[in-house]
Amino acid sequence: MPCLATRFTRRTAGLLFALLLALPLSARAADPVRIAFGDIPSVESLNFLIAIERTRARGVPVELTFFKSEDIAAQAVVSGQADIGVGTPYALLQKVGAPIRLFFQMSTLRFYPVVNTEFYQDWKDLDGQEVAVHSRGSGTEAIMMLMAQRNGIKYGKVSYVPGSEVRTGALLQGAVKATIVDSAGWRLLQEKGGGKFKLLEVGDVQATDEALFANTEFLESNAEAAGILAEELLNTWREIAANPASIGDLRKTHKLLADLPAELEPEIVPFYQDSVAAGMYPLNGGDEAAVKDDFAFYAVAGQLQGDPATLKVEDFWTFAPVNKALDKVGRK
């Protein structure tokens, strides 16, 4: 028969376990969620940084690491050095067959291919020439490759220059003559470029630019944390969609991008006004229709092999985290 001390120890252990379950996630989580982001902190990632701060406030410890390119960030997830990555690693997923799945569509492609008109006037002029994109496997690379295919040209060299602000500055300094930037970069080029920069036409392109992806085992064992992250992304996206000007106040509240160059600060609100108007930030976190658009785009761009119609959504995506979040915040 157990002694009184043994019964007391068991009862105490039971009470402690019950109290542990009642604690908020922040008190229970031993390890932070490690997110690998293949970019530099910038105006275009400000909404994501806000969502991360809100996720932390909900009790989910997050460790955000910035890598110089999306492919390095993806490799960090595949190797287990990170739990969640940011990007669109379709080619990697198809090639390595790792148990990695995309689970939240953060943004769609809305980029601006720009040339210095002192050297080039149209896509045909870029045949055999050097162009700069964000990183290997990125949406910027995919668009440029698609445009090369559509215009029957082949670039002489593709350089990888992370950060739209960096590529914009390189254009202004003459270090780059053809690249792709975001709307803030294009406005800056129009203001300070002396009329020498031209926007090249891309036509209608529907595809994911950035998404979250993770190992399926992580998503299953950390379903609560993944769900909260998805909730805060949706909440932030919807708040900014309702009032793009709120991004300025949110930046101040969370004390983000303190080192942002002064000339870029006036670009924050216009960037999000343009992005919201263009439907750049999905308010539902992605769905099967969006994934099929991705299949069509990334297959033509050469980052997915095979007939897009034969590709299976479940081989690349899981919607469990976003569906859990939508049940909480509502569907739009």
Protein backbone atom coordinates (compact mmCIF):
# COMPACT_ATOMS: atom_id res chain seq x y z
CA MET A 1 0.00 0.00 0.00
CA PRO A 2 1.52 3.39 -0.98
CA CYS A 3 2.76 5.44 1.94
CA LEU A 4 1.35 8.89 2.73
CA ALA A 5 4.45 10.58 1.23
CA THR A 6 4.03 8.66 -2.05
CA ARG A 7 0.34 9.57 -2.29
CA PHE A 8 1.20 13.21 -1.56
CA THR A 9 3.89 13.19 -4.27
CA ARG A 10 1.50 11.72 -6.84
CA ARG A 11 -1.23 14.19 -5.93
CA THR A 12 1.23 17.09 -6.14
CA ALA A 13 2.48 15.88 -9.52
CA GLY A 14 -1.08 15.65 -10.77
CA LEU A 15 -1.87 19.17 -9.61
CA LEU A 16 1.30 20.51 -11.20
CA PHE A 17 0.43 18.80 -14.49
CA ALA A 18 -3.06 20.30 -14.43
CA LEU A 19 -1.63 23.74 -13.70
CA LEU A 20 0.85 23.31 -16.55
CA LEU A 21 -1.96 22.58 -18.98
CA ALA A 22 -3.79 25.68 -17.80
CA LEU A 23 -0.81 27.94 -18.41
CA PRO A 24 -0.71 30.09 -21.54
CA LEU A 25 1.38 28.80 -24.42
CA SER A 26 4.21 31.21 -23.59
CA ALA A 27 4.74 29.59 -20.21
CA ARG A 28 4.65 26.07 -21.62
CA ALA A 29 6.69 26.42 -24.81
CA ALA A 30 10.29 25.41 -24.19
CA ASP A 31 11.66 26.10 -27.64
CA PRO A 32 10.94 29.04 -29.95
CA VAL A 33 9.45 28.57 -33.40
CA ARG A 34 12.42 29.16 -35.70
CA ILE A 35 11.48 31.03 -38.87
CA ALA A 36 13.93 31.37 -41.76
CA PHE A 37 13.31 34.42 -43.95
CA GLY A 38 15.38 34.68 -47.13
CA ASP A 39 15.32 38.46 -47.33
CA ILE A 40 16.32 41.58 -45.44
CA PRO A 41 13.87 43.45 -43.18
CA SER A 42 12.20 46.02 -45.43
CA VAL A 43 9.05 47.97 -46.21
CA GLU A 44 7.59 45.03 -48.10
CA SER A 45 8.05 42.69 -45.11
CA LEU A 46 6.69 45.15 -42.51
CA ASN A 47 3.24 43.54 -42.37
CA PHE A 48 4.87 40.15 -41.74
CA LEU A 49 7.04 41.59 -38.96
CA ILE A 50 3.91 43.05 -37.33
CA ALA A 51 2.18 39.67 -37.47
CA ILE A 52 5.24 38.06 -35.85
CA GLU A 53 5.12 40.56 -32.97
CA ARG A 54 1.44 39.85 -32.48
CA THR A 55 2.13 36.11 -32.51
CA ARG A 56 4.74 36.59 -29.79
CA ALA A 57 2.21 38.61 -27.78
CA ARG A 58 -0.14 35.62 -28.00
CA GLY A 59 2.45 33.50 -26.18
CA VAL A 60 4.25 31.87 -29.10
CA PRO A 61 8.02 32.46 -28.85
CA VAL A 62 9.38 33.17 -32.32
CA GLU A 63 13.00 33.31 -33.42
CA LEU A 64 13.21 35.08 -36.79
CA THR A 65 16.46 34.71 -38.75
CA PHE A 66 17.18 36.56 -41.98
CA PHE A 67 19.15 34.75 -44.68
CA LYS A 68 20.62 36.25 -47.82
CA SER A 69 18.37 34.24 -50.16
CA GLU A 70 15.21 32.16 -50.24
CA ASP A 71 17.01 28.99 -51.31
CA ILE A 72 19.28 29.13 -48.25
CA ALA A 73 16.22 29.67 -46.03
CA ALA A 74 14.54 26.66 -47.66
CA GLN A 75 17.62 24.51 -47.11
CA ALA A 76 17.55 25.51 -43.43
CA VAL A 77 14.04 24.06 -43.15
CA VAL A 78 14.93 20.89 -45.06
CA SER A 79 17.99 20.31 -42.85
CA GLY A 80 16.08 20.95 -39.64
CA GLN A 81 17.92 24.16 -38.74
CA ALA A 82 14.64 26.07 -38.99
CA ASP A 83 11.01 25.10 -38.40
CA ILE A 84 9.27 27.43 -40.87
CA GLY A 85 10.52 29.05 -44.06
CA VAL A 86 9.27 31.96 -46.18
CA GLY A 87 9.21 31.59 -49.96
CA THR A 88 7.88 29.40 -52.77
CA PRO A 89 10.21 26.37 -52.89
CA TYR A 90 8.17 24.39 -55.43
CA ALA A 91 11.24 23.21 -57.34
CA LEU A 92 12.95 22.06 -54.16
CA LEU A 93 9.88 20.21 -52.90
CA GLN A 94 9.45 18.41 -56.21
CA LYS A 95 13.15 17.58 -56.44
CA VAL A 96 13.96 16.35 -52.93
CA GLY A 97 10.56 14.88 -52.04
CA ALA A 98 11.03 15.97 -48.43
CA PRO A 99 8.00 15.95 -46.08
CA ILE A 100 7.75 19.74 -46.39
CA ARG A 101 4.47 21.50 -47.19
CA LEU A 102 3.47 25.08 -47.86
CA PHE A 103 0.68 26.12 -45.50
CA PHE A 104 -0.04 29.87 -45.79
CA GLN A 105 -0.14 32.11 -48.87
CA MET A 106 1.22 35.49 -47.73
CA SER A 107 1.40 37.42 -50.99
CA THR A 108 0.94 37.18 -54.72
CA LEU A 109 3.35 38.33 -57.39
CA ARG A 110 3.19 42.06 -58.06
CA PHE A 111 6.61 43.08 -59.29
CA TYR A 112 7.94 45.69 -61.67
CA PRO A 113 10.62 44.74 -64.24
CA VAL A 114 12.64 47.88 -64.90
CA VAL A 115 15.38 48.74 -67.40
CA ASN A 116 17.73 51.66 -67.76
CA THR A 117 16.69 53.16 -71.10
CA GLU A 118 20.23 54.36 -71.76
CA PHE A 119 20.91 50.69 -72.54
CA TYR A 120 17.60 48.85 -73.13
CA GLN A 121 14.10 49.65 -74.34
CA ASP A 122 12.22 46.34 -74.30
CA TRP A 123 12.46 42.62 -73.52
CA LYS A 124 14.16 41.83 -76.84
CA ASP A 125 17.06 44.10 -75.87
CA LEU A 126 17.79 41.86 -72.87
CA ASP A 127 18.74 38.91 -75.07
CA GLY A 128 22.24 37.88 -73.95
CA GLN A 129 22.35 40.58 -71.25
CA GLU A 130 22.63 40.46 -67.46
CA VAL A 131 19.57 40.82 -65.23
CA ALA A 132 19.30 40.89 -61.44
CA VAL A 133 16.66 39.10 -59.34
CA HIS A 134 16.07 38.55 -55.64
CA SER A 135 17.37 34.99 -55.24
CA ARG A 136 17.46 31.56 -56.81
CA GLY A 137 14.00 30.00 -56.82
CA SER A 138 12.28 33.29 -55.94
CA GLY A 139 9.17 34.73 -57.56
CA THR A 140 11.30 37.48 -59.11
CA GLU A 141 13.43 34.87 -60.87
CA ALA A 142 10.33 32.99 -62.01
CA ILE A 143 8.80 36.12 -63.58
CA MET A 144 12.01 37.04 -65.38
CA MET A 145 12.37 33.49 -66.73
CA LEU A 146 8.74 33.48 -67.86
CA MET A 147 9.23 36.79 -69.67
CA ALA A 148 12.37 35.44 -71.37
CA GLN A 149 10.38 32.44 -72.58
CA ARG A 150 7.47 34.56 -73.80
CA ASN A 151 9.78 36.92 -75.68
CA GLY A 152 12.06 34.26 -77.14
CA ILE A 153 15.23 35.51 -75.45
CA LYS A 154 17.91 34.11 -73.17
CA TYR A 155 19.73 36.15 -70.55
CA GLY A 156 23.50 36.21 -70.60
CA LYS A 157 23.68 36.12 -66.80
CA VAL A 158 21.27 36.15 -63.86
CA SER A 159 22.64 37.86 -60.74
CA TYR A 160 21.13 37.38 -57.29
CA VAL A 161 20.70 40.62 -55.33
CA PRO A 162 18.42 40.24 -52.27
CA GLY A 163 16.15 43.13 -51.33
CA SER A 164 14.07 45.38 -53.59
CA GLU A 165 15.58 48.47 -51.95
CA VAL A 166 19.07 47.17 -52.74
CA ARG A 167 18.20 46.51 -56.39
CA THR A 168 16.54 49.93 -56.65
CA GLY A 169 19.67 51.59 -55.29
CA ALA A 170 21.82 49.59 -57.70
CA LEU A 171 19.75 50.89 -60.61
CA LEU A 172 20.11 54.49 -59.45
CA GLN A 173 23.86 54.03 -59.02
CA GLY A 174 24.27 52.39 -62.42
CA ALA A 175 25.53 49.10 -60.97
CA VAL A 176 22.50 47.28 -62.42
CA LYS A 177 20.81 48.03 -65.74
CA ALA A 178 17.89 45.58 -65.69
CA THR A 179 16.15 44.12 -62.66
CA ILE A 180 12.81 43.74 -60.92
CA VAL A 181 11.59 45.86 -57.99
CA ASP A 182 8.46 46.42 -55.92
CA SER A 183 6.04 49.35 -56.17
CA ALA A 184 8.00 51.42 -53.64
CA GLY A 185 11.16 50.91 -55.68
CA TRP A 186 9.41 51.88 -58.90
CA ARG A 187 8.07 55.10 -57.36
CA LEU A 188 11.54 55.98 -56.10
CA LEU A 189 13.00 55.37 -59.56
CA GLN A 190 10.39 57.65 -61.09
CA GLU A 191 11.16 60.38 -58.54
CA LYS A 192 14.96 60.20 -58.61
CA GLY A 193 15.80 58.51 -61.89
CA GLY A 194 15.67 61.52 -64.14
CA GLY A 195 13.22 59.82 -66.50
CA LYS A 196 15.73 57.19 -67.64
CA PHE A 197 13.97 54.12 -66.22
CA LYS A 198 11.23 52.23 -67.99
CA LEU A 199 8.75 49.61 -66.82
CA LEU A 200 8.47 46.51 -69.01
CA GLU A 201 5.07 44.89 -69.55
CA VAL A 202 4.48 41.47 -67.96
CA GLY A 203 0.80 40.89 -68.73
CA ASP A 204 -1.52 38.98 -66.42
CA VAL A 205 0.37 36.85 -63.91
CA GLN A 206 -1.40 35.04 -61.06
CA ALA A 207 0.90 33.21 -58.65
CA THR A 208 2.18 33.12 -55.09
CA ASP A 209 5.16 35.30 -54.31
CA GLU A 210 5.72 34.37 -50.66
CA ALA A 211 4.24 31.59 -48.56
CA LEU A 212 5.05 29.85 -45.31
CA PHE A 213 6.24 26.25 -45.41
CA ALA A 214 7.33 23.72 -42.81
CA ASN A 215 8.03 20.08 -42.14
CA THR A 216 4.76 18.17 -41.76
CA GLU A 217 5.93 16.65 -38.46
CA PHE A 218 6.49 20.14 -37.08
CA LEU A 219 3.04 21.28 -38.21
CA GLU A 220 1.41 18.28 -36.56
CA SER A 221 3.30 18.54 -33.26
CA ASN A 222 2.99 22.35 -33.12
CA ALA A 223 -0.52 22.76 -34.48
CA GLU A 224 -1.48 25.33 -31.83
CA ALA A 225 1.50 27.58 -32.56
CA ALA A 226 1.03 27.28 -36.34
CA GLY A 227 -2.63 28.10 -35.97
CA ILE A 228 -1.94 31.21 -33.87
CA LEU A 229 0.65 32.41 -36.40
CA ALA A 230 -1.88 31.93 -39.20
CA GLU A 231 -4.52 33.81 -37.18
CA GLU A 232 -2.27 36.81 -36.63
CA LEU A 233 -1.26 36.90 -40.27
CA LEU A 234 -4.93 36.96 -41.27
CA ASN A 235 -5.77 39.59 -38.64
CA THR A 236 -2.90 41.81 -39.76
CA TRP A 237 -3.63 41.39 -43.48
CA ARG A 238 -7.30 42.22 -42.95
CA GLU A 239 -6.60 45.25 -40.76
CA ILE A 240 -4.22 46.70 -43.35
CA ALA A 241 -6.65 45.88 -46.16
CA ALA A 242 -9.39 47.81 -44.35
CA ASN A 243 -7.08 50.78 -43.73
CA PRO A 244 -3.65 50.72 -45.41
CA ALA A 245 -2.67 53.91 -43.57
CA SER A 246 -2.73 51.93 -40.30
CA ILE A 247 0.62 50.35 -41.24
CA GLY A 248 2.42 53.50 -40.09
CA ASP A 249 0.89 53.39 -36.60
CA LEU A 250 1.46 49.64 -36.33
CA ARG A 251 5.12 50.11 -37.19
CA LYS A 252 5.47 52.67 -34.38
CA THR A 253 3.55 50.53 -31.90
CA HIS A 254 5.85 47.56 -32.42
CA LYS A 255 9.00 49.69 -32.94
CA LEU A 256 9.94 48.04 -36.23
CA LEU A 257 12.42 48.97 -38.99
CA ALA A 258 14.20 51.49 -36.80
CA ASP A 259 17.11 51.57 -39.26
CA LEU A 260 14.97 52.23 -42.33
CA PRO A 261 16.53 55.01 -44.46
CA ALA A 262 14.68 58.30 -43.98
CA GLU A 263 13.89 58.62 -47.68
CA LEU A 264 11.96 55.34 -47.59
CA GLU A 265 9.68 56.22 -44.68
CA PRO A 266 7.24 58.24 -46.84
CA GLU A 267 6.95 55.16 -49.09
CA ILE A 268 5.49 52.86 -46.44
CA VAL A 269 1.82 53.85 -46.63
CA PRO A 270 1.73 54.32 -50.45
CA PHE A 271 3.35 50.90 -50.87
CA TYR A 272 0.60 49.21 -48.87
CA GLN A 273 -2.11 51.29 -50.51
CA ASP A 274 -0.89 50.08 -53.91
CA SER A 275 -0.48 46.50 -52.70
CA VAL A 276 -3.94 46.33 -51.17
CA ALA A 277 -5.50 47.85 -54.30
CA ALA A 278 -3.72 45.21 -56.39
CA GLY A 279 -4.94 42.38 -54.15
CA MET A 280 -1.38 41.42 -53.27
CA TYR A 281 -2.22 40.09 -49.80
CA PRO A 282 -4.81 37.27 -49.82
CA LEU A 283 -7.31 37.53 -46.98
CA ASN A 284 -7.90 33.78 -46.77
CA GLY A 285 -4.33 32.44 -46.52
CA GLY A 286 -4.59 30.60 -49.82
CA ASP A 287 -6.73 27.83 -51.28
CA GLU A 288 -6.63 25.10 -53.93
CA ALA A 289 -7.48 27.52 -56.74
CA ALA A 290 -4.45 29.65 -55.83
CA VAL A 291 -2.22 26.58 -55.76
CA LYS A 292 -3.36 25.54 -59.24
CA ASP A 293 -2.49 29.05 -60.47
CA ASP A 294 0.95 28.46 -58.96
CA PHE A 295 1.29 25.15 -60.81
CA ALA A 296 0.52 26.84 -64.12
CA PHE A 297 2.90 29.75 -63.52
CA TYR A 298 5.87 27.91 -62.03
CA ALA A 299 5.66 25.16 -64.66
CA VAL A 300 5.85 27.71 -67.48
CA ALA A 301 8.66 29.51 -65.61
CA GLY A 302 10.60 26.23 -65.47
CA GLN A 303 10.54 25.71 -61.71
CA LEU A 304 8.08 22.80 -61.80
CA GLN A 305 8.42 19.80 -64.07
CA GLY A 306 5.55 18.00 -65.80
CA ASP A 307 2.03 18.86 -66.86
CA PRO A 308 0.53 21.28 -64.29
CA ALA A 309 -2.82 19.51 -64.63
CA THR A 310 -1.27 16.29 -63.26
CA LEU A 311 0.32 17.89 -60.19
CA LYS A 312 -1.43 17.18 -56.89
CA VAL A 313 -2.14 20.00 -54.44
CA GLU A 314 -1.59 17.70 -51.44
CA ASP A 315 1.97 16.93 -52.60
CA PHE A 316 2.90 20.58 -52.02
CA TRP A 317 0.37 22.11 -49.61
CA THR A 318 -1.54 21.46 -46.42
CA PHE A 319 -4.39 23.76 -45.41
CA ALA A 320 -4.81 22.51 -41.83
CA PRO A 321 -3.24 25.57 -40.10
CA VAL A 322 -5.07 28.15 -42.21
CA ASN A 323 -8.40 26.33 -41.91
CA LYS A 324 -7.96 26.25 -38.14
CA ALA A 325 -7.24 29.98 -38.19
CA LEU A 326 -10.20 30.74 -40.47
CA ASP A 327 -12.49 28.91 -38.04
CA LYS A 328 -11.36 31.41 -35.40
CA VAL A 329 -11.26 34.70 -37.34
CA GLY A 330 -13.93 34.00 -39.94
CA ARG A 331 -13.83 33.38 -43.68
CA LYS A 332 -13.78 36.06 -46.36
